[in-house]
Structure formats: structure tokens, C-alpha cells
C-alpha atoms as a PDB file:
ATOM      1  CA  MET A   1     197.786 117.290  85.832  1.00  0.00           C
ATOM      2  CA  SER A   2     197.553 121.046  84.662  1.00  0.00           C
ATOM      3  CA  ASN A   3     196.641 123.568  86.942  1.00  0.00           C
ATOM      4  CA  LEU A   4     193.391 124.116  84.502  1.00  0.00           C
ATOM      5  CA  ASP A   5     192.855 120.327  85.105  1.00  0.00           C
ATOM      6  CA  GLU A   6     193.126 120.798  89.021  1.00  0.00           C
ATOM      7  CA  ILE A   7     190.596 123.770  88.869  1.00  0.00           C
ATOM      8  CA  ASN A   8     188.226 121.944  87.170  1.00  0.00           C
ATOM      9  CA  THR A   9     188.761 119.076  89.344  1.00  0.00           C
ATOM     10  CA  ILE A  10     187.817 121.196  92.350  1.00  0.00           C
ATOM     11  CA  LYS A  11     185.123 122.872  90.756  1.00  0.00           C
ATOM     12  CA  ALA A  12     183.645 119.460  89.740  1.00  0.00           C
ATOM     13  CA  ASN A  13     184.006 118.276  93.367  1.00  0.00           C
ATOM     14  CA  THR A  14     182.573 121.552  95.094  1.00  0.00           C
ATOM     15  CA  LEU A  15     179.575 121.277  92.748  1.00  0.00           C
ATOM     16  CA  ALA A  16     178.797 117.979  93.632  1.00  0.00           C
ATOM     17  CA  GLN A  17     179.289 118.373  97.678  1.00  0.00           C
ATOM     18  CA  MET A  18     176.746 121.398  96.707  1.00  0.00           C
ATOM     19  CA  ALA A  19     174.335 119.121  95.080  1.00  0.00           C
ATOM     20  CA  GLU A  20     174.420 116.641  98.151  1.00  0.00           C
ATOM     21  CA  VAL A  21     174.205 119.302 100.619  1.00  0.00           C
ATOM     22  CA  SER A  22     171.261 120.981  98.982  1.00  0.00           C
ATOM     23  CA  ALA A  23     169.187 117.039  98.313  1.00  0.00           C
ATOM     24  CA  GLU A  24     169.708 116.752 101.740  1.00  0.00           C
ATOM     25  CA  ARG A  25     167.974 119.778 103.319  1.00  0.00           C
ATOM     26  CA  LYS A  26     169.788 119.620 106.648  1.00  0.00           C
ATOM     27  CA  PRO A  27     169.005 122.672 109.333  1.00  0.00           C
ATOM     28  CA  SER A  28     171.412 124.423 110.982  1.00  0.00           C
ATOM     29  CA  TYR A  29     172.108 122.576 114.767  1.00  0.00           C
ATOM     30  CA  SER A  30     174.331 122.538 117.576  1.00  0.00           C
ATOM     31  CA  GLU A  31     176.222 119.345 118.774  1.00  0.00           C
ATOM     32  CA  ASP A  32     178.857 119.306 121.710  1.00  0.00           C
ATOM     33  CA  GLY A  33     179.087 123.042 121.630  1.00  0.00           C
ATOM     34  CA  GLN A  34     179.866 123.427 117.753  1.00  0.00           C
ATOM     35  CA  THR A  35     177.139 125.190 115.505  1.00  0.00           C
ATOM     36  CA  PHE A  36     176.777 123.887 112.200  1.00  0.00           C
ATOM     37  CA  SER A  37     175.220 125.930 109.564  1.00  0.00           C
ATOM     38  CA  TRP A  38     174.142 124.401 106.266  1.00  0.00           C
ATOM     39  CA  THR A  39     173.468 127.835 104.577  1.00  0.00           C
ATOM     40  CA  GLU A  40     177.207 128.831 105.608  1.00  0.00           C
ATOM     41  CA  TYR A  41     178.433 125.853 104.075  1.00  0.00           C
ATOM     42  CA  LEU A  42     176.705 126.570 101.080  1.00  0.00           C
ATOM     43  CA  GLU A  43     177.840 129.689 100.768  1.00  0.00           C
ATOM     44  CA  HIS A  44     181.593 128.808 101.598  1.00  0.00           C
ATOM     45  CA  LEU A  45     180.892 126.096  98.719  1.00  0.00           C
ATOM     46  CA  GLN A  46     179.968 129.117  96.388  1.00  0.00           C
ATOM     47  CA  ARG A  47     182.610 131.116  97.149  1.00  0.00           C
ATOM     48  CA  ARG A  48     184.958 128.208  96.166  1.00  0.00           C
ATOM     49  CA  VAL A  49     183.239 127.410  92.794  1.00  0.00           C
ATOM     50  CA  ASP A  50     183.114 131.574  92.275  1.00  0.00           C
ATOM     51  CA  TRP A  51     187.056 131.207  92.838  1.00  0.00           C
ATOM     52  CA  CYS A  52     187.632 128.314  90.349  1.00  0.00           C
ATOM     53  CA  ASN A  53     185.206 130.308  87.511  1.00  0.00           C
ATOM     54  CA  SER A  54     187.500 133.395  88.250  1.00  0.00           C
ATOM     55  CA  GLN A  55     190.876 131.305  87.798  1.00  0.00           C
ATOM     56  CA  LEU A  56     189.588 129.521  84.708  1.00  0.00           C
ATOM     57  CA  ALA A  57     188.302 132.947  83.326  1.00  0.00           C
ATOM     58  CA  ALA A  58     191.967 134.287  83.904  1.00  0.00           C
ATOM     59  CA  GLU A  59     193.165 131.678  81.811  1.00  0.00           C
ATOM     60  CA  ASP A  60     191.090 131.575  78.787  1.00  0.00           C
ATOM     61  CA  PRO A  61     192.814 133.450  75.767  1.00  0.00           C
ATOM     62  CA  PHE A  62     191.262 137.089  74.993  1.00  0.00           C
ATOM     63  CA  GLU A  63     191.864 139.405  71.864  1.00  0.00           C
ATOM     64  CA  PHE A  64     191.544 143.378  72.006  1.00  0.00           C
ATOM     65  CA  PRO A  65     189.712 144.425  68.797  1.00  0.00           C
ATOM     66  CA  THR A  66     191.462 146.869  66.839  1.00  0.00           C
ATOM     67  CA  GLN A  67     191.653 148.791  63.839  1.00  0.00           C
ATOM     68  CA  GLY A  68     194.242 150.721  61.951  1.00  0.00           C
ATOM     69  CA  TYR A  69     194.267 154.109  60.777  1.00  0.00           C
ATOM     70  CA  THR A  70     196.236 155.775  57.865  1.00  0.00           C
ATOM     71  CA  PRO A  71     195.871 159.512  57.696  1.00  0.00           C
END
């Protein structure tokens, strides 16, 4: 599996997690002294998707348009 395949898999899995969390609409809560914030969790997942997007964009081929000039 190539790095691009792995990044695409990470992105797909993260988007699936985001869909699952969004569908459940759980509020933030505390349990045994730990606080769980679903908003912060979704923001964390979004940052992971953004990272994947930037990695994938960096691998895209690119061109610099140029034009020759003859005096």
C-alpha cells in the first residue's frame, strides 16, 4: 500500500467517524473526572481531514505556465 493509499484510507475512516459522531448528536459530558467534548472531538477529526487533504494536494502533479520570449 502506498503512502497516498494510506492517507486516502485515513481520510475515509475519519470522515466515517465524523458522520457517526454527527448523527448521534451527543452532548459534552463528564465521567469519572474526565470531560468529553464532542465539539472538540469533531474539530480534532476535521484537522485530521485537513491534514490528509494537504498531504494529498502536495502529491498532485503541477505545472508552471511559461512563455518563451525571443528578442
